[in-house]
Amino acid sequence: MKIFSAEQTRQWDQDTIAKEPISSLALMERASTVFVEWWVEKYPIPVPIFIFCGTGNNGGDGLAVARLLSTRAYSVTVFFCRIGRLSEDCKANYNALSALPEVVLKELAVGDSLPALNPASLVIDALFGAGLNRPITGFWAELIDLINQSSIEISSIDIPSGMFLDQTSKGNAVVKAKHTLSFQTPKLALLLPENYLYAKDWSFRSIGLDRSFSDDQASDYHFLTKGDVQTWIKVRGKFDHKGTYGHALLVAGSYGKIGAAVLAARACLRSGVGLLSIHLPACGYSIMQSQVPEAMVETDSHFSFWTDAIPSDSYKAIGIGCGIGQDELTKVALMDLIEKATCPLVLDADALNLLSLEQDKLDIIPHNTIITPHPKEFQRLFGDTADDFARLALLRERAVTLGIIIILKGAYTCIALPNGACYFNSTGNPGMATGGSGDALTGVLTGLLAQGYSPCLLYTSPSPRDRG
């Protein structure tokens, strides 16, 4: 599923209006109806509601929502905030709502006293929409601060007011919404950690925008769904055997960190790999043989950490880094294996930490290698950034210039590809925030590569690097 910019979203609305055809006011009614259906599912028992509406189309949505909720026995008070000129559709919904005596409509302008809010009520935020292009200041920033400090549960229509879609909102006045319903598709800003405080729980629903626009429009950002992934799963044949599903190698573990190797090995086998070999220091031999009997174990000449050169031509894929430590001899062995590798690689954990010490040698990483940094490992590798949007830009740039796949782990893990596209994984959860999750990921990725899955399933892979 493509993720669009604020401008593309505006164009999508206009394209739908022209092609369906449908009036912009009717499209607003459709979107507001979708929000109301979502709201009633979440809050089926009518309670008093405060709706804060601006004068743009997001405010028009809020006014329509107020009218629709009033027909379902909700007690609605609307604070209509006079912020500049009314859009035509907002004006139409304002006039329609004004004719309903059951809805309390109060106007709020700069200089007015800020309203007192009943803590037993709920708030719907429809102040500013996706088209916001400058920070909210002055009186309206004070209003947002009042709403945030009210301890009332807040739901935002499409996007929390004050949040930019396509750039950082750090330092801005932004509504702290507990719930947000985004229209049609997810918004990029909702996927970035810096905005979690303002959009803790969000979802999206279709409002029936024209499908052909989405199909034809280019986007560098995508939101992965279960349906996407299911199309890539290979079906196993009845007469397949262990040789069909590849031979993987994991280079993992050091003294005190053999558990990382065990976790990666178990995950690799769970992914369905045919054969698994593990290279680890001699101190881990007995542990691995007893914990993962299916694996073949080869031990390093060093008792405590990896030092030996490893030929790669016997394997379909190699995963490197889980618990290997950062000894200088390990770094030498790592750089040698990376430079001479003839099969797909997965680099994680200490492999990335060691690479961060060799910044001038990052270009020896083979094309289409997968690296899986968490945010701190990413920072050590590629440098610090001022905000999450800047980090996203750096992530894309590094994936393109190095010709690799970078999996930046997080609640919405972002997979950056060598063609500049980014895919956000929608399945993360806080239960994964524990030591060993990254080791399991490395094992699964290595196992899938060994089975013949392309490291670049999401696009046409470039030819391997010519090493001269």
Protein backbone atom coordinates (compact mmCIF):
# COMPACT_ATOMS: atom_id res chain seq x y z
CA MET A 1 0.00 0.00 0.00
CA LYS A 2 1.45 3.34 -1.07
CA ILE A 3 1.91 6.20 1.37
CA PHE A 4 1.33 9.62 -0.16
CA SER A 5 2.49 13.13 0.64
CA ALA A 6 0.12 15.92 1.69
CA GLU A 7 0.10 17.28 -1.87
CA GLN A 8 -0.56 13.86 -3.39
CA THR A 9 -3.41 13.33 -0.92
CA ARG A 10 -4.96 16.63 -2.01
CA GLN A 11 -4.58 15.62 -5.65
CA TRP A 12 -6.18 12.25 -4.90
CA ASP A 13 -9.26 14.00 -3.54
CA GLN A 14 -9.46 16.20 -6.64
CA ASP A 15 -8.94 13.23 -8.96
CA THR A 16 -11.80 11.34 -7.28
CA ILE A 17 -14.07 14.38 -7.48
CA ALA A 18 -13.40 14.66 -11.22
CA LYS A 19 -13.55 10.95 -12.15
CA GLU A 20 -16.38 9.57 -10.03
CA PRO A 21 -17.80 12.26 -10.36
CA ILE A 22 -18.72 13.48 -6.88
CA SER A 23 -18.90 16.92 -5.33
CA SER A 24 -16.25 17.88 -2.81
CA LEU A 25 -19.02 18.39 -0.23
CA ALA A 26 -20.36 14.87 -0.83
CA LEU A 27 -16.85 13.45 -0.51
CA MET A 28 -16.50 15.28 2.82
CA GLU A 29 -19.81 13.74 3.92
CA ARG A 30 -18.52 10.30 2.95
CA ALA A 31 -15.32 10.76 4.94
CA SER A 32 -17.23 12.09 7.95
CA THR A 33 -19.60 9.12 7.83
CA VAL A 34 -16.62 6.74 7.88
CA PHE A 35 -15.24 8.56 10.93
CA VAL A 36 -18.61 8.41 12.72
CA GLU A 37 -18.95 4.67 12.08
CA TRP A 38 -15.44 4.17 13.51
CA TRP A 39 -16.27 6.41 16.48
CA VAL A 40 -19.52 4.59 17.34
CA GLU A 41 -17.68 1.26 17.30
CA LYS A 42 -15.13 2.68 19.75
CA TYR A 43 -17.60 4.60 21.95
CA PRO A 44 -21.00 2.87 21.62
CA ILE A 45 -22.40 4.48 24.79
CA PRO A 46 -23.33 8.12 24.13
CA VAL A 47 -21.34 10.54 26.29
CA PRO A 48 -20.90 14.33 26.04
CA ILE A 49 -18.54 15.29 23.22
CA PHE A 50 -16.56 18.47 22.61
CA ILE A 51 -15.57 18.93 18.95
CA PHE A 52 -13.00 21.59 18.07
CA CYS A 53 -13.33 22.67 14.44
CA GLY A 54 -11.18 24.97 12.34
CA THR A 55 -12.22 26.82 9.20
CA GLY A 56 -10.57 24.54 6.63
CA ASN A 57 -11.72 21.21 5.26
CA ASN A 58 -10.63 19.35 8.39
CA GLY A 59 -12.94 21.68 10.32
CA GLY A 60 -15.65 20.92 7.77
CA ASP A 61 -15.19 17.23 8.55
CA GLY A 62 -15.60 18.00 12.25
CA LEU A 63 -18.81 19.97 11.67
CA ALA A 64 -20.27 17.13 9.59
CA VAL A 65 -19.23 14.63 12.28
CA ALA A 66 -21.03 16.75 14.90
CA ARG A 67 -24.22 16.73 12.86
CA LEU A 68 -24.06 12.97 12.24
CA LEU A 69 -23.30 12.12 15.87
CA SER A 70 -26.20 14.27 17.07
CA THR A 71 -28.56 11.99 15.10
CA ARG A 72 -27.26 9.05 17.18
CA ALA A 73 -28.17 10.53 20.56
CA TYR A 74 -24.73 11.91 21.40
CA SER A 75 -24.65 15.23 23.26
CA VAL A 76 -22.41 17.43 21.11
CA THR A 77 -20.84 20.81 21.81
CA VAL A 78 -18.88 22.35 18.94
CA PHE A 79 -16.24 25.03 19.40
CA PHE A 80 -15.91 26.63 16.00
CA CYS A 81 -12.52 28.33 15.92
CA ARG A 82 -12.35 31.35 13.63
CA ILE A 83 -8.95 30.71 12.02
CA GLY A 84 -8.76 32.64 8.76
CA ARG A 85 -11.14 32.25 5.83
CA LEU A 86 -13.71 29.45 5.71
CA SER A 87 -13.41 26.90 2.93
CA GLU A 88 -16.59 26.54 0.89
CA ASP A 89 -17.33 23.04 2.18
CA CYS A 90 -16.64 24.08 5.76
CA LYS A 91 -19.09 26.98 5.30
CA ALA A 92 -21.76 24.61 3.96
CA ASN A 93 -21.40 22.29 6.93
CA TYR A 94 -21.37 25.23 9.34
CA ASN A 95 -24.69 26.44 7.92
CA ALA A 96 -26.18 22.94 8.11
CA LEU A 97 -25.11 22.51 11.72
CA SER A 98 -26.38 25.96 12.71
CA ALA A 99 -29.91 24.82 11.84
CA LEU A 100 -29.80 22.00 14.42
CA PRO A 101 -30.96 23.20 17.85
CA GLU A 102 -29.81 19.98 19.55
CA VAL A 103 -26.13 20.79 18.86
CA VAL A 104 -24.48 23.51 20.96
CA LEU A 105 -22.40 25.66 18.59
CA LYS A 106 -19.99 28.14 20.14
CA GLU A 107 -17.65 30.40 18.22
CA LEU A 108 -14.12 30.96 19.47
CA ALA A 109 -11.86 33.73 18.19
CA VAL A 110 -8.45 35.11 19.10
CA GLY A 111 -8.65 36.89 22.43
CA ASP A 112 -11.67 34.97 23.74
CA SER A 113 -11.49 33.15 27.05
CA LEU A 114 -10.49 29.54 26.59
CA PRO A 115 -13.37 27.12 27.27
CA ALA A 116 -13.73 25.00 30.42
CA LEU A 117 -13.91 21.31 29.53
CA ASN A 118 -15.95 18.70 31.39
CA PRO A 119 -13.50 15.92 32.35
CA ALA A 120 -16.28 13.33 31.95
CA SER A 121 -16.59 14.09 28.23
CA LEU A 122 -14.62 13.20 25.10
CA VAL A 123 -12.85 15.46 22.62
CA ILE A 124 -12.75 15.24 18.82
CA ASP A 125 -9.98 17.27 17.22
CA ALA A 126 -10.76 18.80 13.80
CA LEU A 127 -8.76 22.02 14.07
CA PHE A 128 -6.06 21.67 11.41
CA GLY A 129 -5.70 19.04 8.72
CA ALA A 130 -3.10 17.40 6.53
CA GLY A 131 -2.44 20.58 4.57
CA LEU A 132 -0.87 22.43 7.51
CA ASN A 133 2.45 23.96 6.40
CA ARG A 134 3.56 26.13 9.32
CA PRO A 135 3.69 25.70 13.11
CA ILE A 136 0.65 26.74 15.16
CA THR A 137 1.41 29.68 17.42
CA GLY A 138 -0.26 32.18 19.72
CA PHE A 139 -3.86 31.76 20.80
CA TRP A 140 -4.42 28.52 18.90
CA ALA A 141 -1.26 26.97 20.37
CA GLU A 142 -2.65 27.91 23.80
CA LEU A 143 -5.92 26.18 22.90
CA ILE A 144 -4.07 23.01 21.91
CA ASP A 145 -2.16 23.16 25.20
CA LEU A 146 -5.46 23.47 27.07
CA ILE A 147 -6.89 20.45 25.26
CA ASN A 148 -3.74 18.41 25.96
CA GLN A 149 -3.76 19.28 29.65
CA SER A 150 -7.45 18.51 30.12
CA SER A 151 -6.89 14.76 30.75
CA ILE A 152 -9.84 14.13 28.42
CA GLU A 153 -9.54 11.32 25.88
CA ILE A 154 -8.89 12.88 22.45
CA SER A 155 -9.58 11.50 18.98
CA SER A 156 -8.25 13.26 15.87
CA ILE A 157 -9.80 13.29 12.42
CA ASP A 158 -7.23 12.16 9.81
CA ILE A 159 -4.16 13.66 11.58
CA PRO A 160 -3.58 15.26 14.99
CA SER A 161 -3.78 19.04 14.62
CA GLY A 162 -0.38 20.68 14.43
CA MET A 163 1.37 17.63 13.00
CA PHE A 164 3.08 17.97 9.61
CA LEU A 165 2.74 15.04 7.23
CA ASP A 166 6.01 15.37 5.35
CA GLN A 167 8.45 17.01 7.78
CA THR A 168 9.30 17.00 11.44
CA SER A 169 6.85 18.49 13.92
CA LYS A 170 9.43 18.78 16.70
CA GLY A 171 8.84 21.89 18.77
CA ASN A 172 5.36 22.43 17.33
CA ALA A 173 2.12 22.67 19.27
CA VAL A 174 0.45 19.34 18.43
CA VAL A 175 -2.71 17.73 19.80
CA LYS A 176 -1.91 14.62 21.87
CA ALA A 177 -4.51 12.27 20.45
CA LYS A 178 -5.13 8.91 22.03
CA HIS A 179 -6.89 7.78 18.86
CA THR A 180 -6.53 8.94 15.25
CA LEU A 181 -8.48 7.73 12.23
CA SER A 182 -6.51 8.41 9.05
CA PHE A 183 -8.49 8.55 5.82
CA GLN A 184 -7.81 6.09 2.99
CA THR A 185 -4.15 5.22 3.74
CA PRO A 186 -1.65 5.67 6.60
CA LYS A 187 0.20 8.97 6.80
CA LEU A 188 4.00 8.91 6.89
CA ALA A 189 4.20 11.05 10.04
CA LEU A 190 2.19 8.48 11.99
CA LEU A 191 4.89 5.84 11.41
CA LEU A 192 7.79 7.75 12.95
CA PRO A 193 8.77 7.44 16.64
CA GLU A 194 8.98 11.19 17.26
CA ASN A 195 5.21 11.48 16.74
CA TYR A 196 4.11 8.62 19.01
CA LEU A 197 3.22 10.98 21.86
CA TYR A 198 0.69 12.71 19.57
CA ALA A 199 -0.76 9.65 17.81
CA LYS A 200 -0.57 6.77 20.26
CA ASP A 201 -3.22 4.60 18.64
CA TRP A 202 -4.13 5.12 15.01
CA SER A 203 -5.86 3.24 12.24
CA PHE A 204 -7.04 3.99 8.73
CA ARG A 205 -10.14 3.31 6.68
CA SER A 206 -11.02 3.79 3.04
CA ILE A 207 -13.26 6.68 2.07
CA GLY A 208 -13.61 5.39 -1.48
CA LEU A 209 -11.00 7.47 -3.28
CA ASP A 210 -10.38 6.54 -6.90
CA ARG A 211 -8.22 3.40 -7.16
CA SER A 212 -6.62 4.31 -10.48
CA PHE A 213 -4.91 7.34 -8.94
CA SER A 214 -3.16 5.16 -6.38
CA ASP A 215 -2.16 2.65 -9.06
CA ASP A 216 -0.68 5.32 -11.33
CA GLN A 217 0.93 7.59 -8.74
CA ALA A 218 4.55 7.03 -7.73
CA SER A 219 5.59 6.90 -4.09
CA ASP A 220 8.84 6.07 -2.33
CA TYR A 221 6.98 4.91 0.78
CA HIS A 222 4.81 1.84 1.28
CA PHE A 223 2.92 0.19 4.14
CA LEU A 224 3.18 -3.60 4.16
CA THR A 225 0.12 -5.70 4.95
CA LYS A 226 -0.39 -9.40 5.57
CA GLY A 227 -1.87 -9.70 2.08
CA ASP A 228 1.33 -8.35 0.53
CA VAL A 229 3.52 -10.88 2.31
CA GLN A 230 1.28 -13.85 1.57
CA THR A 231 1.84 -13.41 -2.16
CA TRP A 232 5.59 -14.01 -1.75
CA ILE A 233 5.44 -17.29 0.18
CA LYS A 234 6.72 -20.23 -1.84
CA VAL A 235 4.65 -23.42 -1.87
CA ARG A 236 6.60 -26.55 -0.90
CA GLY A 237 6.45 -29.58 -3.18
CA LYS A 238 5.59 -33.05 -1.98
CA PHE A 239 8.93 -34.54 -3.05
CA ASP A 240 11.13 -31.66 -1.86
CA HIS A 241 13.94 -32.58 0.53
CA LYS A 242 16.49 -30.85 2.73
CA GLY A 243 18.72 -30.16 -0.27
CA THR A 244 15.87 -28.22 -1.86
CA TYR A 245 15.88 -25.59 0.86
CA GLY A 246 19.48 -24.56 0.96
CA HIS A 247 22.48 -24.67 3.28
CA ALA A 248 22.88 -21.65 5.59
CA LEU A 249 25.82 -20.62 7.72
CA LEU A 250 25.60 -18.55 10.88
CA VAL A 251 28.77 -16.96 12.23
CA ALA A 252 27.78 -16.14 15.78
CA GLY A 253 28.61 -16.18 19.45
CA SER A 254 31.53 -15.40 21.73
CA TYR A 255 32.35 -16.18 25.33
CA GLY A 256 29.31 -15.12 27.37
CA LYS A 257 27.15 -14.61 24.26
CA ILE A 258 26.57 -18.13 22.96
CA GLY A 259 22.87 -17.63 23.69
CA ALA A 260 22.69 -15.20 20.78
CA ALA A 261 24.00 -17.93 18.49
CA VAL A 262 21.46 -20.42 19.86
CA LEU A 263 18.55 -18.03 19.27
CA ALA A 264 19.67 -17.24 15.72
CA ALA A 265 20.13 -20.95 14.97
CA ARG A 266 16.69 -21.92 16.24
CA ALA A 267 15.06 -19.13 14.23
CA CYS A 268 16.97 -20.11 11.10
CA LEU A 269 15.73 -23.68 11.38
CA ARG A 270 12.21 -22.48 12.12
CA SER A 271 12.25 -20.51 8.86
CA GLY A 272 12.47 -23.83 7.01
CA VAL A 273 16.11 -23.93 5.90
CA GLY A 274 17.26 -27.34 4.68
CA LEU A 275 20.69 -27.44 6.33
CA LEU A 276 22.32 -25.22 8.93
CA SER A 277 25.96 -24.91 9.86
CA ILE A 278 27.21 -22.70 12.67
CA HIS A 279 30.72 -21.31 13.08
CA LEU A 280 31.42 -20.26 16.64
CA PRO A 281 34.29 -20.18 19.14
CA ALA A 282 35.23 -23.45 20.83
CA CYS A 283 33.66 -22.34 24.11
CA GLY A 284 30.21 -22.72 22.54
CA TYR A 285 30.55 -26.21 21.06
CA SER A 286 28.85 -28.22 23.82
CA ILE A 287 26.13 -25.63 24.31
CA MET A 288 25.19 -25.55 20.63
CA GLN A 289 25.29 -29.32 20.15
CA SER A 290 22.94 -29.82 23.09
CA GLN A 291 20.60 -26.88 22.40
CA VAL A 292 20.32 -27.15 18.61
CA PRO A 293 21.06 -30.76 17.67
CA GLU A 294 19.82 -30.27 14.10
CA ALA A 295 22.68 -27.88 13.35
CA MET A 296 26.20 -28.80 12.25
CA VAL A 297 28.83 -27.04 14.35
CA GLU A 298 32.31 -25.99 13.27
CA THR A 299 34.51 -24.39 15.90
CA ASP A 300 36.96 -21.55 15.56
CA SER A 301 40.61 -22.01 16.47
CA HIS A 302 40.10 -19.46 19.23
CA PHE A 303 38.31 -20.54 22.41
CA SER A 304 36.45 -17.28 23.11
CA PHE A 305 35.71 -15.50 19.82
CA TRP A 306 35.77 -15.72 16.02
CA THR A 307 39.15 -15.32 14.29
CA ASP A 308 39.33 -17.81 11.40
CA ALA A 309 38.85 -17.08 7.70
CA ILE A 310 35.70 -18.74 6.39
CA PRO A 311 35.17 -19.78 2.73
CA SER A 312 31.67 -18.84 1.58
CA ASP A 313 31.29 -20.95 -1.55
CA SER A 314 29.70 -23.90 0.27
CA TYR A 315 26.66 -21.95 1.42
CA LYS A 316 23.55 -20.38 -0.07
CA ALA A 317 23.52 -17.59 2.53
CA ILE A 318 25.53 -16.44 5.55
CA GLY A 319 24.32 -14.54 8.60
CA ILE A 320 27.00 -12.78 10.62
CA GLY A 321 27.13 -10.87 13.87
CA CYS A 322 24.90 -12.25 16.62
CA GLY A 323 26.97 -12.09 19.80
CA ILE A 324 30.38 -12.23 18.05
CA GLY A 325 31.90 -9.46 20.18
CA GLN A 326 34.22 -6.70 18.99
CA ASP A 327 37.73 -8.10 19.31
CA GLU A 328 40.25 -6.76 16.77
CA LEU A 329 40.88 -10.28 15.40
CA THR A 330 37.14 -10.72 14.91
CA LYS A 331 37.04 -7.47 12.95
CA VAL A 332 39.82 -8.75 10.65
CA ALA A 333 37.94 -12.01 10.05
CA LEU A 334 34.70 -10.10 9.40
CA MET A 335 36.21 -7.76 6.83
CA ASP A 336 37.86 -10.70 5.06
CA LEU A 337 34.56 -12.63 4.84
CA ILE A 338 32.62 -9.60 3.63
CA GLU A 339 35.18 -8.80 0.94
CA LYS A 340 35.36 -12.38 -0.37
CA ALA A 341 31.70 -13.39 0.00
CA THR A 342 30.13 -15.18 -2.98
CA CYS A 343 26.65 -15.68 -1.50
CA PRO A 344 24.01 -13.38 0.03
CA LEU A 345 24.86 -11.93 3.45
CA VAL A 346 22.94 -10.77 6.50
CA LEU A 347 24.87 -8.47 8.86
CA ASP A 348 23.62 -7.68 12.35
CA ALA A 349 24.63 -6.66 15.86
CA ASP A 350 28.40 -6.75 16.47
CA ALA A 351 29.08 -7.12 12.74
CA LEU A 352 27.53 -3.67 12.34
CA ASN A 353 29.35 -2.28 15.36
CA LEU A 354 32.67 -3.49 13.92
CA LEU A 355 31.80 -2.01 10.52
CA SER A 356 31.12 1.33 12.19
CA LEU A 357 34.82 1.36 13.14
CA GLU A 358 35.74 1.06 9.45
CA GLN A 359 33.70 3.86 7.90
CA ASP A 360 35.98 4.15 4.89
CA LYS A 361 35.38 0.49 3.99
CA LEU A 362 31.60 0.37 3.94
CA ASP A 363 31.65 0.22 0.15
CA ILE A 364 33.13 -3.31 0.24
CA ILE A 365 29.76 -4.61 1.43
CA PRO A 366 28.37 -6.64 -1.51
CA HIS A 367 25.33 -5.31 -3.31
CA ASN A 368 22.01 -6.60 -1.95
CA THR A 369 23.48 -7.47 1.44
CA ILE A 370 20.87 -7.14 4.19
CA ILE A 371 21.83 -5.21 7.33
CA THR A 372 19.51 -5.02 10.34
CA PRO A 373 20.46 -2.16 12.67
CA HIS A 374 18.43 -0.91 15.59
CA PRO A 375 18.44 2.92 15.90
CA LYS A 376 21.66 3.10 17.94
CA GLU A 377 23.52 0.77 15.55
CA PHE A 378 22.25 2.86 12.64
CA GLN A 379 23.56 6.01 14.33
CA ARG A 380 26.98 4.44 14.92
CA LEU A 381 27.16 3.33 11.29
CA PHE A 382 25.88 6.41 9.49
CA GLY A 383 25.83 9.31 11.95
CA ASP A 384 23.31 11.24 14.02
CA THR A 385 20.33 13.15 12.63
CA ALA A 386 18.23 16.02 13.96
CA ASP A 387 14.89 14.23 13.68
CA ASP A 388 13.18 11.11 12.36
CA PHE A 389 12.45 12.57 8.92
CA ALA A 390 16.16 13.40 8.53
CA ARG A 391 17.03 9.87 9.63
CA LEU A 392 14.60 8.46 7.08
CA ALA A 393 16.27 10.52 4.35
CA LEU A 394 19.70 9.27 5.46
CA LEU A 395 18.41 5.71 5.53
CA ARG A 396 17.26 5.93 1.93
CA GLU A 397 20.46 7.66 0.79
CA ARG A 398 22.72 5.01 2.37
CA ALA A 399 20.67 2.14 0.92
CA VAL A 400 20.97 3.67 -2.55
CA THR A 401 24.64 4.65 -2.47
CA LEU A 402 25.80 1.35 -0.94
CA GLY A 403 23.38 -0.78 -2.97
CA ILE A 404 22.16 -2.67 0.10
CA ILE A 405 18.94 -3.42 1.98
CA ILE A 406 18.76 -1.68 5.36
CA ILE A 407 16.18 -2.92 7.86
CA LEU A 408 15.89 -0.20 10.50
CA LYS A 409 14.18 -1.98 13.38
CA GLY A 410 11.40 -0.36 15.38
CA ALA A 411 7.65 -0.40 16.05
CA TYR A 412 7.22 0.21 12.31
CA THR A 413 10.41 -1.36 11.02
CA CYS A 414 11.46 0.46 7.84
CA ILE A 415 13.03 -1.55 5.02
CA ALA A 416 15.03 0.67 2.66
CA LEU A 417 15.96 -0.78 -0.72
CA PRO A 418 18.74 0.07 -3.20
CA ASN A 419 16.20 1.74 -5.51
CA GLY A 420 15.24 4.26 -2.79
CA ALA A 421 11.89 2.70 -1.88
CA CYS A 422 10.98 2.25 1.79
CA TYR A 423 8.55 -0.34 3.14
CA PHE A 424 7.13 -0.09 6.67
CA ASN A 425 6.29 -3.31 8.50
CA SER A 426 2.91 -3.05 10.22
CA THR A 427 3.32 -6.00 12.62
CA GLY A 428 5.71 -4.72 15.32
CA ASN A 429 4.68 -4.85 18.97
CA PRO A 430 6.25 -4.03 22.36
CA GLY A 431 6.57 -7.75 23.16
CA MET A 432 9.53 -7.80 20.78
CA ALA A 433 11.39 -5.22 22.88
CA THR A 434 13.68 -7.75 24.51
CA GLY A 435 17.17 -9.13 24.02
CA GLY A 436 17.28 -11.86 21.40
CA SER A 437 14.61 -10.56 19.01
CA GLY A 438 17.29 -9.25 16.64
CA ASP A 439 19.15 -12.57 16.76
CA ALA A 440 15.95 -14.36 15.77
CA LEU A 441 15.44 -11.93 12.88
CA THR A 442 18.97 -12.61 11.59
CA GLY A 443 18.31 -16.34 11.73
CA VAL A 444 15.03 -16.07 9.84
CA LEU A 445 16.48 -13.81 7.15
CA THR A 446 19.49 -16.07 6.63
CA GLY A 447 17.24 -19.11 6.39
CA LEU A 448 14.96 -17.47 3.82
CA LEU A 449 17.91 -16.37 1.68
CA ALA A 450 19.32 -19.90 1.76
CA GLN A 451 15.96 -21.21 0.54
CA GLY A 452 16.24 -19.04 -2.55
CA TYR A 453 14.17 -16.03 -1.57
CA SER A 454 15.57 -12.90 -3.17
CA PRO A 455 16.95 -10.23 -0.84
CA CYS A 456 15.04 -7.77 -3.03
CA LEU A 457 11.60 -9.34 -3.28
CA LEU A 458 10.05 -5.88 -3.49
CA TYR A 459 11.79 -4.75 -6.67
CA THR A 460 13.93 -5.95 -9.58
CA SER A 461 17.40 -6.58 -8.21
CA PRO A 462 20.42 -4.94 -9.87
CA SER A 463 23.21 -7.18 -11.06
CA PRO A 464 25.84 -8.12 -8.46
CA ARG A 465 28.73 -5.76 -7.90
CA ASP A 466 31.59 -6.07 -10.31
CA ARG A 467 34.62 -6.40 -8.07
CA GLY A 468 37.06 -5.86 -10.97
